[in-house]
Amino acid sequence: DGYLRTRGIRDLTLAGLATDFCVHYSAVDAARLGFS
Protein backbone atom coordinates (compact mmCIF):
# COMPACT_ATOMS: atom_id res chain seq x y z
CA ASP A 1 0.00 0.00 0.00
CA GLY A 2 2.72 2.49 0.96
CA TYR A 3 4.78 1.67 -2.12
CA LEU A 4 1.86 2.29 -4.46
CA ARG A 5 0.88 5.54 -2.77
CA THR A 6 4.45 6.81 -2.84
CA ARG A 7 4.52 6.24 -6.59
CA GLY A 8 1.17 7.96 -7.07
CA ILE A 9 -0.56 4.80 -8.31
CA ARG A 10 -4.33 4.79 -7.85
CA ASP A 11 -5.59 2.28 -10.45
CA LEU A 12 -4.77 -1.41 -10.25
CA THR A 13 -5.36 -4.27 -12.65
CA LEU A 14 -4.93 -7.71 -11.10
CA ALA A 15 -4.27 -11.05 -12.77
CA GLY A 16 -2.85 -14.38 -11.68
CA LEU A 17 -3.42 -17.37 -9.42
CA ALA A 18 -5.70 -18.21 -7.86
CA THR A 19 -8.79 -16.12 -8.63
CA ASP A 20 -10.67 -17.44 -5.60
CA PHE A 21 -7.89 -16.98 -3.04
CA CYS A 22 -4.90 -14.68 -3.50
CA VAL A 23 -6.36 -12.65 -6.39
CA HIS A 24 -9.68 -12.33 -4.55
CA TYR A 25 -8.18 -11.21 -1.22
CA SER A 26 -5.75 -8.82 -2.92
CA ALA A 27 -8.52 -7.22 -4.98
CA VAL A 28 -10.88 -6.76 -2.03
CA ASP A 29 -8.12 -5.28 0.12
CA ALA A 30 -7.06 -2.92 -2.66
CA ALA A 31 -10.64 -1.69 -3.06
CA ARG A 32 -11.00 -1.30 0.71
CA LEU A 33 -7.81 0.80 0.74
CA GLY A 34 -9.32 3.14 -1.85
CA PHE A 35 -7.72 1.96 -5.07
CA SER A 36 -9.69 1.61 -8.29
PDB file of all heavy atoms in Angstrom:
ATOM      1  N   ASP A   1       0.832  -1.203   0.000  1.00  0.00           N
ATOM      2  CA  ASP A   1       0.000   0.000   0.000  1.00  0.00           C
ATOM      3  C   ASP A   1       0.870   1.258   0.000  1.00  0.00           C
ATOM      4  O   ASP A   1       0.682   2.164  -0.824  1.00  0.00           O
ATOM      5  CB  ASP A   1      -0.926  -0.025   1.220  1.00  0.00           C
ATOM      6  CG  ASP A   1      -1.831   1.200   1.302  1.00  0.00           C
ATOM      7  OD1 ASP A   1      -2.225   1.716   0.243  1.00  0.00           O
ATOM      8  OD2 ASP A   1      -2.143   1.625   2.424  1.00  0.00           O
ATOM      9  N   GLY A   2       1.833   1.323   0.890  1.00  0.00           N
ATOM     10  CA  GLY A   2       2.719   2.486   0.956  1.00  0.00           C
ATOM     11  C   GLY A   2       3.529   2.688  -0.311  1.00  0.00           C
ATOM     12  O   GLY A   2       3.722   3.820  -0.773  1.00  0.00           O
ATOM     13  N   TYR A   3       4.000   1.590  -0.887  1.00  0.00           N
ATOM     14  CA  TYR A   3       4.779   1.670  -2.120  1.00  0.00           C
ATOM     15  C   TYR A   3       3.943   2.282  -3.248  1.00  0.00           C
ATOM     16  O   TYR A   3       4.400   3.193  -3.951  1.00  0.00           O
ATOM     17  CB  TYR A   3       5.262   0.273  -2.512  1.00  0.00           C
ATOM     18  CG  TYR A   3       5.944   0.210  -3.855  1.00  0.00           C
ATOM     19  CD1 TYR A   3       7.278   0.587  -4.006  1.00  0.00           C
ATOM     20  CD2 TYR A   3       5.256  -0.229  -4.985  1.00  0.00           C
ATOM     21  CE1 TYR A   3       7.905   0.532  -5.241  1.00  0.00           C
ATOM     22  CE2 TYR A   3       5.871  -0.290  -6.221  1.00  0.00           C
ATOM     23  CZ  TYR A   3       7.195   0.090  -6.351  1.00  0.00           C
ATOM     24  OH  TYR A   3       7.805   0.039  -7.582  1.00  0.00           O
ATOM     25  N   LEU A   4       2.721   1.781  -3.396  1.00  0.00           N
ATOM     26  CA  LEU A   4       1.860   2.286  -4.464  1.00  0.00           C
ATOM     27  C   LEU A   4       1.528   3.756  -4.268  1.00  0.00           C
ATOM     28  O   LEU A   4       1.561   4.552  -5.218  1.00  0.00           O
ATOM     29  CB  LEU A   4       0.574   1.460  -4.534  1.00  0.00           C
ATOM     30  CG  LEU A   4       0.741  -0.013  -4.933  1.00  0.00           C
ATOM     31  CD1 LEU A   4      -0.575  -0.761  -4.748  1.00  0.00           C
ATOM     32  CD2 LEU A   4       1.234  -0.139  -6.373  1.00  0.00           C
ATOM     33  N   ARG A   5       1.226   4.144  -3.040  1.00  0.00           N
ATOM     34  CA  ARG A   5       0.878   5.544  -2.772  1.00  0.00           C
ATOM     35  C   ARG A   5       2.080   6.461  -3.000  1.00  0.00           C
ATOM     36  O   ARG A   5       1.929   7.568  -3.537  1.00  0.00           O
ATOM     37  CB  ARG A   5       0.345   5.689  -1.353  1.00  0.00           C
ATOM     38  CG  ARG A   5      -1.011   5.023  -1.175  1.00  0.00           C
ATOM     39  CD  ARG A   5      -1.591   5.221   0.215  1.00  0.00           C
ATOM     40  NE  ARG A   5      -2.706   4.324   0.446  1.00  0.00           N
ATOM     41  CZ  ARG A   5      -3.929   4.491  -0.059  1.00  0.00           C
ATOM     42  NH1 ARG A   5      -4.189   5.530  -0.831  1.00  0.00           N
ATOM     43  NH2 ARG A   5      -4.888   3.614   0.208  1.00  0.00           N
ATOM     44  N   THR A   6       3.252   6.011  -2.623  1.00  0.00           N
ATOM     45  CA  THR A   6       4.454   6.810  -2.836  1.00  0.00           C
ATOM     46  C   THR A   6       4.693   7.068  -4.316  1.00  0.00           C
ATOM     47  O   THR A   6       5.153   8.145  -4.712  1.00  0.00           O
ATOM     48  CB  THR A   6       5.674   6.099  -2.219  1.00  0.00           C
ATOM     49  OG1 THR A   6       5.480   5.967  -0.815  1.00  0.00           O
ATOM     50  CG2 THR A   6       6.956   6.881  -2.454  1.00  0.00           C
ATOM     51  N   ARG A   7       4.341   6.090  -5.138  1.00  0.00           N
ATOM     52  CA  ARG A   7       4.517   6.240  -6.591  1.00  0.00           C
ATOM     53  C   ARG A   7       3.335   6.920  -7.267  1.00  0.00           C
ATOM     54  O   ARG A   7       3.341   7.124  -8.476  1.00  0.00           O
ATOM     55  CB  ARG A   7       4.760   4.879  -7.226  1.00  0.00           C
ATOM     56  CG  ARG A   7       6.103   4.286  -6.843  1.00  0.00           C
ATOM     57  CD  ARG A   7       6.492   3.137  -7.735  1.00  0.00           C
ATOM     58  NE  ARG A   7       6.615   3.538  -9.127  1.00  0.00           N
ATOM     59  CZ  ARG A   7       6.904   2.678 -10.119  1.00  0.00           C
ATOM     60  NH1 ARG A   7       7.096   1.400  -9.843  1.00  0.00           N
ATOM     61  NH2 ARG A   7       6.988   3.097 -11.354  1.00  0.00           N
ATOM     62  N   GLY A   8       2.315   7.269  -6.497  1.00  0.00           N
ATOM     63  CA  GLY A   8       1.165   7.956  -7.070  1.00  0.00           C
ATOM     64  C   GLY A   8       0.237   7.054  -7.852  1.00  0.00           C
ATOM     65  O   GLY A   8      -0.535   7.520  -8.694  1.00  0.00           O
ATOM     66  N   ILE A   9       0.280   5.761  -7.587  1.00  0.00           N
ATOM     67  CA  ILE A   9      -0.557   4.801  -8.309  1.00  0.00           C
ATOM     68  C   ILE A   9      -1.905   4.680  -7.618  1.00  0.00           C
ATOM     69  O   ILE A   9      -1.980   4.423  -6.418  1.00  0.00           O
ATOM     70  CB  ILE A   9       0.154   3.424  -8.381  1.00  0.00           C
ATOM     71  CG1 ILE A   9       1.407   3.548  -9.249  1.00  0.00           C
ATOM     72  CG2 ILE A   9      -0.789   2.348  -8.917  1.00  0.00           C
ATOM     73  CD1 ILE A   9       2.335   2.366  -9.167  1.00  0.00           C
ATOM     74  N   ARG A  10      -2.979   4.863  -8.405  1.00  0.00           N
ATOM     75  CA  ARG A  10      -4.333   4.792  -7.852  1.00  0.00           C
ATOM     76  C   ARG A  10      -5.182   3.698  -8.493  1.00  0.00           C
ATOM     77  O   ARG A  10      -6.174   3.274  -7.924  1.00  0.00           O
ATOM     78  CB  ARG A  10      -5.049   6.140  -8.057  1.00  0.00           C
ATOM     79  CG  ARG A  10      -4.332   7.322  -7.441  1.00  0.00           C
ATOM     80  CD  ARG A  10      -4.171   7.206  -5.944  1.00  0.00           C
ATOM     81  NE  ARG A  10      -5.420   6.909  -5.284  1.00  0.00           N
ATOM     82  CZ  ARG A  10      -5.532   6.176  -4.164  1.00  0.00           C
ATOM     83  NH1 ARG A  10      -4.467   5.641  -3.610  1.00  0.00           N
ATOM     84  NH2 ARG A  10      -6.708   5.972  -3.610  1.00  0.00           N
ATOM     85  N   ASP A  11      -4.816   3.285  -9.711  1.00  0.00           N
ATOM     86  CA  ASP A  11      -5.589   2.285 -10.452  1.00  0.00           C
ATOM     87  C   ASP A  11      -4.794   0.994 -10.557  1.00  0.00           C
ATOM     88  O   ASP A  11      -3.626   1.017 -10.980  1.00  0.00           O
ATOM     89  CB  ASP A  11      -5.925   2.787 -11.862  1.00  0.00           C
ATOM     90  CG  ASP A  11      -6.716   4.074 -11.836  1.00  0.00           C
ATOM     91  OD1 ASP A  11      -7.639   4.171 -11.013  1.00  0.00           O
ATOM     92  OD2 ASP A  11      -6.398   4.986 -12.623  1.00  0.00           O
ATOM     93  N   LEU A  12      -5.431  -0.110 -10.217  1.00  0.00           N
ATOM     94  CA  LEU A  12      -4.766  -1.414 -10.251  1.00  0.00           C
ATOM     95  C   LEU A  12      -5.541  -2.381 -11.126  1.00  0.00           C
ATOM     96  O   LEU A  12      -6.776  -2.472 -11.029  1.00  0.00           O
ATOM     97  CB  LEU A  12      -4.667  -2.007  -8.846  1.00  0.00           C
ATOM     98  CG  LEU A  12      -3.810  -1.276  -7.823  1.00  0.00           C
ATOM     99  CD1 LEU A  12      -3.912  -1.975  -6.472  1.00  0.00           C
ATOM    100  CD2 LEU A  12      -2.360  -1.209  -8.284  1.00  0.00           C
ATOM    101  N   THR A  13      -4.814  -3.119 -11.941  1.00  0.00           N
ATOM    102  CA  THR A  13      -5.357  -4.266 -12.654  1.00  0.00           C
ATOM    103  C   THR A  13      -4.672  -5.499 -12.103  1.00  0.00           C
ATOM    104  O   THR A  13      -3.438  -5.539 -12.023  1.00  0.00           O
ATOM    105  CB  THR A  13      -5.115  -4.161 -14.169  1.00  0.00           C
ATOM    106  OG1 THR A  13      -5.768  -2.986 -14.661  1.00  0.00           O
ATOM    107  CG2 THR A  13      -5.653  -5.387 -14.890  1.00  0.00           C
ATOM    108  N   LEU A  14      -5.473  -6.487 -11.693  1.00  0.00           N
ATOM    109  CA  LEU A  14      -4.935  -7.709 -11.102  1.00  0.00           C
ATOM    110  C   LEU A  14      -5.153  -8.888 -12.035  1.00  0.00           C
ATOM    111  O   LEU A  14      -6.181  -8.981 -12.720  1.00  0.00           O
ATOM    112  CB  LEU A  14      -5.607  -8.019  -9.762  1.00  0.00           C
ATOM    113  CG  LEU A  14      -5.075  -7.300  -8.522  1.00  0.00           C
ATOM    114  CD1 LEU A  14      -5.362  -5.819  -8.569  1.00  0.00           C
ATOM    115  CD2 LEU A  14      -5.655  -7.915  -7.253  1.00  0.00           C
ATOM    116  N   ALA A  15      -4.181  -9.809 -12.024  1.00  0.00           N
ATOM    117  CA  ALA A  15      -4.273 -11.054 -12.770  1.00  0.00           C
ATOM    118  C   ALA A  15      -3.402 -12.074 -12.062  1.00  0.00           C
ATOM    119  O   ALA A  15      -2.484 -11.715 -11.331  1.00  0.00           O
ATOM    120  CB  ALA A  15      -3.793 -10.851 -14.209  1.00  0.00           C
ATOM    121  N   GLY A  16      -3.718 -13.366 -12.246  1.00  0.00           N
ATOM    122  CA  GLY A  16      -2.849 -14.383 -11.680  1.00  0.00           C
ATOM    123  C   GLY A  16      -3.583 -15.546 -11.052  1.00  0.00           C
ATOM    124  O   GLY A  16      -4.702 -15.885 -11.438  1.00  0.00           O
ATOM    125  N   LEU A  17      -2.954 -16.134 -10.044  1.00  0.00           N
ATOM    126  CA  LEU A  17      -3.423 -17.375  -9.418  1.00  0.00           C
ATOM    127  C   LEU A  17      -3.486 -17.213  -7.902  1.00  0.00           C
ATOM    128  O   LEU A  17      -2.588 -16.629  -7.316  1.00  0.00           O
ATOM    129  CB  LEU A  17      -2.466 -18.515  -9.774  1.00  0.00           C
ATOM    130  CG  LEU A  17      -2.242 -18.766 -11.276  1.00  0.00           C
ATOM    131  CD1 LEU A  17      -1.131 -19.779 -11.499  1.00  0.00           C
ATOM    132  CD2 LEU A  17      -3.532 -19.215 -11.950  1.00  0.00           C
ATOM    133  N   ALA A  18      -4.478 -17.692  -7.292  1.00  0.00           N
ATOM    134  CA  ALA A  18      -5.702 -18.212  -7.864  1.00  0.00           C
ATOM    135  C   ALA A  18      -6.804 -17.174  -7.675  1.00  0.00           C
ATOM    136  O   ALA A  18      -6.847 -16.477  -6.663  1.00  0.00           O
ATOM    137  CB  ALA A  18      -6.103 -19.524  -7.185  1.00  0.00           C
ATOM    138  N   THR A  19      -7.715 -17.123  -8.648  1.00  0.00           N
ATOM    139  CA  THR A  19      -8.785 -16.122  -8.632  1.00  0.00           C
ATOM    140  C   THR A  19      -9.546 -16.119  -7.310  1.00  0.00           C
ATOM    141  O   THR A  19      -9.897 -15.056  -6.788  1.00  0.00           O
ATOM    142  CB  THR A  19      -9.790 -16.412  -9.766  1.00  0.00           C
ATOM    143  OG1 THR A  19      -9.075 -16.622 -10.984  1.00  0.00           O
ATOM    144  CG2 THR A  19     -10.777 -15.268  -9.924  1.00  0.00           C
ATOM    145  N   ASP A  20      -9.800 -17.309  -6.771  1.00  0.00           N
ATOM    146  CA  ASP A  20     -10.668 -17.436  -5.596  1.00  0.00           C
ATOM    147  C   ASP A  20      -9.941 -17.316  -4.267  1.00  0.00           C
ATOM    148  O   ASP A  20     -10.581 -17.322  -3.215  1.00  0.00           O
ATOM    149  CB  ASP A  20     -11.464 -18.744  -5.650  1.00  0.00           C
ATOM    150  CG  ASP A  20     -10.655 -19.936  -6.129  1.00  0.00           C
ATOM    151  OD1 ASP A  20      -9.560 -19.754  -6.707  1.00  0.00           O
ATOM    152  OD2 ASP A  20     -11.125 -21.073  -5.951  1.00  0.00           O
ATOM    153  N   PHE A  21      -8.623 -17.176  -4.286  1.00  0.00           N
ATOM    154  CA  PHE A  21      -7.894 -16.983  -3.037  1.00  0.00           C
ATOM    155  C   PHE A  21      -7.022 -15.737  -3.107  1.00  0.00           C
ATOM    156  O   PHE A  21      -7.460 -14.653  -2.729  1.00  0.00           O
ATOM    157  CB  PHE A  21      -7.096 -18.252  -2.673  1.00  0.00           C
ATOM    158  CG  PHE A  21      -7.983 -19.340  -2.139  1.00  0.00           C
ATOM    159  CD1 PHE A  21      -8.516 -20.310  -2.980  1.00  0.00           C
ATOM    160  CD2 PHE A  21      -8.340 -19.369  -0.806  1.00  0.00           C
ATOM    161  CE1 PHE A  21      -9.380 -21.289  -2.507  1.00  0.00           C
ATOM    162  CE2 PHE A  21      -9.195 -20.342  -0.303  1.00  0.00           C
ATOM    163  CZ  PHE A  21      -9.710 -21.309  -1.162  1.00  0.00           C
ATOM    164  N   CYS A  22      -5.811 -15.826  -3.601  1.00  0.00           N
ATOM    165  CA  CYS A  22      -4.905 -14.680  -3.504  1.00  0.00           C
ATOM    166  C   CYS A  22      -5.322 -13.498  -4.377  1.00  0.00           C
ATOM    167  O   CYS A  22      -5.159 -12.346  -3.962  1.00  0.00           O
ATOM    168  CB  CYS A  22      -3.477 -15.133  -3.795  1.00  0.00           C
ATOM    169  SG  CYS A  22      -2.875 -16.310  -2.549  1.00  0.00           S
ATOM    170  N   VAL A  23      -5.864 -13.757  -5.574  1.00  0.00           N
ATOM    171  CA  VAL A  23      -6.361 -12.651  -6.392  1.00  0.00           C
ATOM    172  C   VAL A  23      -7.554 -11.998  -5.700  1.00  0.00           C
ATOM    173  O   VAL A  23      -7.623 -10.767  -5.568  1.00  0.00           O
ATOM    174  CB  VAL A  23      -6.731 -13.131  -7.809  1.00  0.00           C
ATOM    175  CG1 VAL A  23      -7.402 -12.001  -8.607  1.00  0.00           C
ATOM    176  CG2 VAL A  23      -5.502 -13.641  -8.554  1.00  0.00           C
ATOM    177  N   HIS A  24      -8.483 -12.819  -5.238  1.00  0.00           N
ATOM    178  CA  HIS A  24      -9.684 -12.331  -4.547  1.00  0.00           C
ATOM    179  C   HIS A  24      -9.322 -11.447  -3.353  1.00  0.00           C
ATOM    180  O   HIS A  24      -9.780 -10.301  -3.240  1.00  0.00           O
ATOM    181  CB  HIS A  24     -10.515 -13.549  -4.122  1.00  0.00           C
ATOM    182  CG  HIS A  24     -11.491 -13.309  -3.027  1.00  0.00           C
ATOM    183  ND1 HIS A  24     -11.773 -14.248  -2.070  1.00  0.00           N
ATOM    184  CD2 HIS A  24     -12.245 -12.234  -2.693  1.00  0.00           C
ATOM    185  CE1 HIS A  24     -12.663 -13.783  -1.228  1.00  0.00           C
ATOM    186  NE2 HIS A  24     -12.966 -12.552  -1.581  1.00  0.00           N
ATOM    187  N   TYR A  25      -8.511 -11.965  -2.433  1.00  0.00           N
ATOM    188  CA  TYR A  25      -8.180 -11.212  -1.219  1.00  0.00           C
ATOM    189  C   TYR A  25      -7.404  -9.941  -1.550  1.00  0.00           C
ATOM    190  O   TYR A  25      -7.613  -8.892  -0.931  1.00  0.00           O
ATOM    191  CB  TYR A  25      -7.407 -12.084  -0.232  1.00  0.00           C
ATOM    192  CG  TYR A  25      -8.289 -13.028   0.539  1.00  0.00           C
ATOM    193  CD1 TYR A  25      -8.685 -14.263   0.009  1.00  0.00           C
ATOM    194  CD2 TYR A  25      -8.753 -12.698   1.807  1.00  0.00           C
ATOM    195  CE1 TYR A  25      -9.509 -15.120   0.718  1.00  0.00           C
ATOM    196  CE2 TYR A  25      -9.581 -13.558   2.523  1.00  0.00           C
ATOM    197  CZ  TYR A  25      -9.952 -14.768   1.970  1.00  0.00           C
ATOM    198  OH  TYR A  25     -10.773 -15.610   2.671  1.00  0.00           O
ATOM    199  N   SER A  26      -6.513 -10.011  -2.520  1.00  0.00           N
ATOM    200  CA  SER A  26      -5.748  -8.822  -2.917  1.00  0.00           C
ATOM    201  C   SER A  26      -6.665  -7.756  -3.503  1.00  0.00           C
ATOM    202  O   SER A  26      -6.529  -6.566  -3.189  1.00  0.00           O
ATOM    203  CB  SER A  26      -4.676  -9.203  -3.940  1.00  0.00           C
ATOM    204  OG  SER A  26      -3.746 -10.111  -3.398  1.00  0.00           O
ATOM    205  N   ALA A  27      -7.614  -8.174  -4.345  1.00  0.00           N
ATOM    206  CA  ALA A  27      -8.522  -7.220  -4.982  1.00  0.00           C
ATOM    207  C   ALA A  27      -9.433  -6.548  -3.965  1.00  0.00           C
ATOM    208  O   ALA A  27      -9.621  -5.321  -3.991  1.00  0.00           O
ATOM    209  CB  ALA A  27      -9.354  -7.931  -6.050  1.00  0.00           C
ATOM    210  N   VAL A  28      -9.986  -7.328  -3.044  1.00  0.00           N
ATOM    211  CA  VAL A  28     -10.879  -6.764  -2.031  1.00  0.00           C
ATOM    212  C   VAL A  28     -10.117  -5.803  -1.120  1.00  0.00           C
ATOM    213  O   VAL A  28     -10.609  -4.710  -0.790  1.00  0.00           O
ATOM    214  CB  VAL A  28     -11.575  -7.889  -1.235  1.00  0.00           C
ATOM    215  CG1 VAL A  28     -12.293  -7.338  -0.013  1.00  0.00           C
ATOM    216  CG2 VAL A  28     -12.556  -8.639  -2.136  1.00  0.00           C
ATOM    217  N   ASP A  29      -8.917  -6.178  -0.723  1.00  0.00           N
ATOM    218  CA  ASP A  29      -8.121  -5.278   0.119  1.00  0.00           C
ATOM    219  C   ASP A  29      -7.761  -4.003  -0.620  1.00  0.00           C
ATOM    220  O   ASP A  29      -7.810  -2.898  -0.047  1.00  0.00           O
ATOM    221  CB  ASP A  29      -6.846  -5.980   0.597  1.00  0.00           C
ATOM    222  CG  ASP A  29      -7.074  -6.881   1.795  1.00  0.00           C
ATOM    223  OD1 ASP A  29      -8.149  -6.791   2.427  1.00  0.00           O
ATOM    224  OD2 ASP A  29      -6.170  -7.686   2.116  1.00  0.00           O
ATOM    225  N   ALA A  30      -7.396  -4.117  -1.882  1.00  0.00           N
ATOM    226  CA  ALA A  30      -7.056  -2.921  -2.658  1.00  0.00           C
ATOM    227  C   ALA A  30      -8.246  -1.973  -2.750  1.00  0.00           C
ATOM    228  O   ALA A  30      -8.105  -0.763  -2.571  1.00  0.00           O
ATOM    229  CB  ALA A  30      -6.587  -3.322  -4.057  1.00  0.00           C
ATOM    230  N   ALA A  31      -9.432  -2.524  -2.991  1.00  0.00           N
ATOM    231  CA  ALA A  31     -10.636  -1.690  -3.058  1.00  0.00           C
ATOM    232  C   ALA A  31     -10.918  -1.047  -1.708  1.00  0.00           C
ATOM    233  O   ALA A  31     -11.269   0.140  -1.628  1.00  0.00           O
ATOM    234  CB  ALA A  31     -11.822  -2.526  -3.524  1.00  0.00           C
ATOM    235  N   ARG A  32     -10.760  -1.823  -0.637  1.00  0.00           N
ATOM    236  CA  ARG A  32     -11.001  -1.301   0.712  1.00  0.00           C
ATOM    237  C   ARG A  32     -10.027  -0.164   1.051  1.00  0.00           C
ATOM    238  O   ARG A  32     -10.374   0.768   1.784  1.00  0.00           O
ATOM    239  CB  ARG A  32     -10.857  -2.439   1.725  1.00  0.00           C
ATOM    240  CG  ARG A  32     -11.145  -2.053   3.160  1.00  0.00           C
ATOM    241  CD  ARG A  32     -11.198  -3.279   4.060  1.00  0.00           C
ATOM    242  NE  ARG A  32      -9.979  -4.068   4.025  1.00  0.00           N
ATOM    243  CZ  ARG A  32      -8.896  -3.830   4.758  1.00  0.00           C
ATOM    244  NH1 ARG A  32      -8.870  -2.793   5.574  1.00  0.00           N
ATOM    245  NH2 ARG A  32      -7.847  -4.604   4.680  1.00  0.00           N
ATOM    246  N   LEU A  33      -8.820  -0.238   0.494  1.00  0.00           N
ATOM    247  CA  LEU A  33      -7.814   0.797   0.740  1.00  0.00           C
ATOM    248  C   LEU A  33      -7.992   2.021  -0.156  1.00  0.00           C
ATOM    249  O   LEU A  33      -7.227   2.980  -0.067  1.00  0.00           O
ATOM    250  CB  LEU A  33      -6.411   0.207   0.537  1.00  0.00           C
ATOM    251  CG  LEU A  33      -5.967  -0.791   1.613  1.00  0.00           C
ATOM    252  CD1 LEU A  33      -4.730  -1.564   1.150  1.00  0.00           C
ATOM    253  CD2 LEU A  33      -5.695  -0.087   2.936  1.00  0.00           C
ATOM    254  N   GLY A  34      -9.009   1.976  -1.039  1.00  0.00           N
ATOM    255  CA  GLY A  34      -9.320   3.143  -1.846  1.00  0.00           C
ATOM    256  C   GLY A  34      -8.786   3.133  -3.258  1.00  0.00           C
ATOM    257  O   GLY A  34      -8.930   4.133  -3.981  1.00  0.00           O
ATOM    258  N   PHE A  35      -8.196   2.049  -3.697  1.00  0.00           N
ATOM    259  CA  PHE A  35      -7.723   1.962  -5.069  1.00  0.00           C
ATOM    260  C   PHE A  35      -8.895   1.628  -6.000  1.00  0.00           C
ATOM    261  O   PHE A  35      -9.870   1.002  -5.592  1.00  0.00           O
ATOM    262  CB  PHE A  35      -6.641   0.884  -5.202  1.00  0.00           C
ATOM    263  CG  PHE A  35      -5.370   1.212  -4.478  1.00  0.00           C
ATOM    264  CD1 PHE A  35      -5.161   0.755  -3.189  1.00  0.00           C
ATOM    265  CD2 PHE A  35      -4.391   1.984  -5.073  1.00  0.00           C
ATOM    266  CE1 PHE A  35      -3.984   1.059  -2.495  1.00  0.00           C
ATOM    267  CE2 PHE A  35      -3.217   2.296  -4.407  1.00  0.00           C
ATOM    268  CZ  PHE A  35      -3.015   1.843  -3.110  1.00  0.00           C
ATOM    269  N   SER A  36      -8.773   2.036  -7.238  1.00  0.00           N
ATOM    270  CA  SER A  36      -9.695   1.608  -8.288  1.00  0.00           C
ATOM    271  C   SER A  36      -9.160   0.281  -8.817  1.00  0.00           C
ATOM    272  O   SER A  36      -8.014   0.204  -9.267  1.00  0.00           O
ATOM    273  CB  SER A  36      -9.736   2.663  -9.394  1.00  0.00           C
ATOM    274  OG  SER A  36     -10.535   2.214 -10.458  1.00  0.00           O
TER     275      SER A  36
END
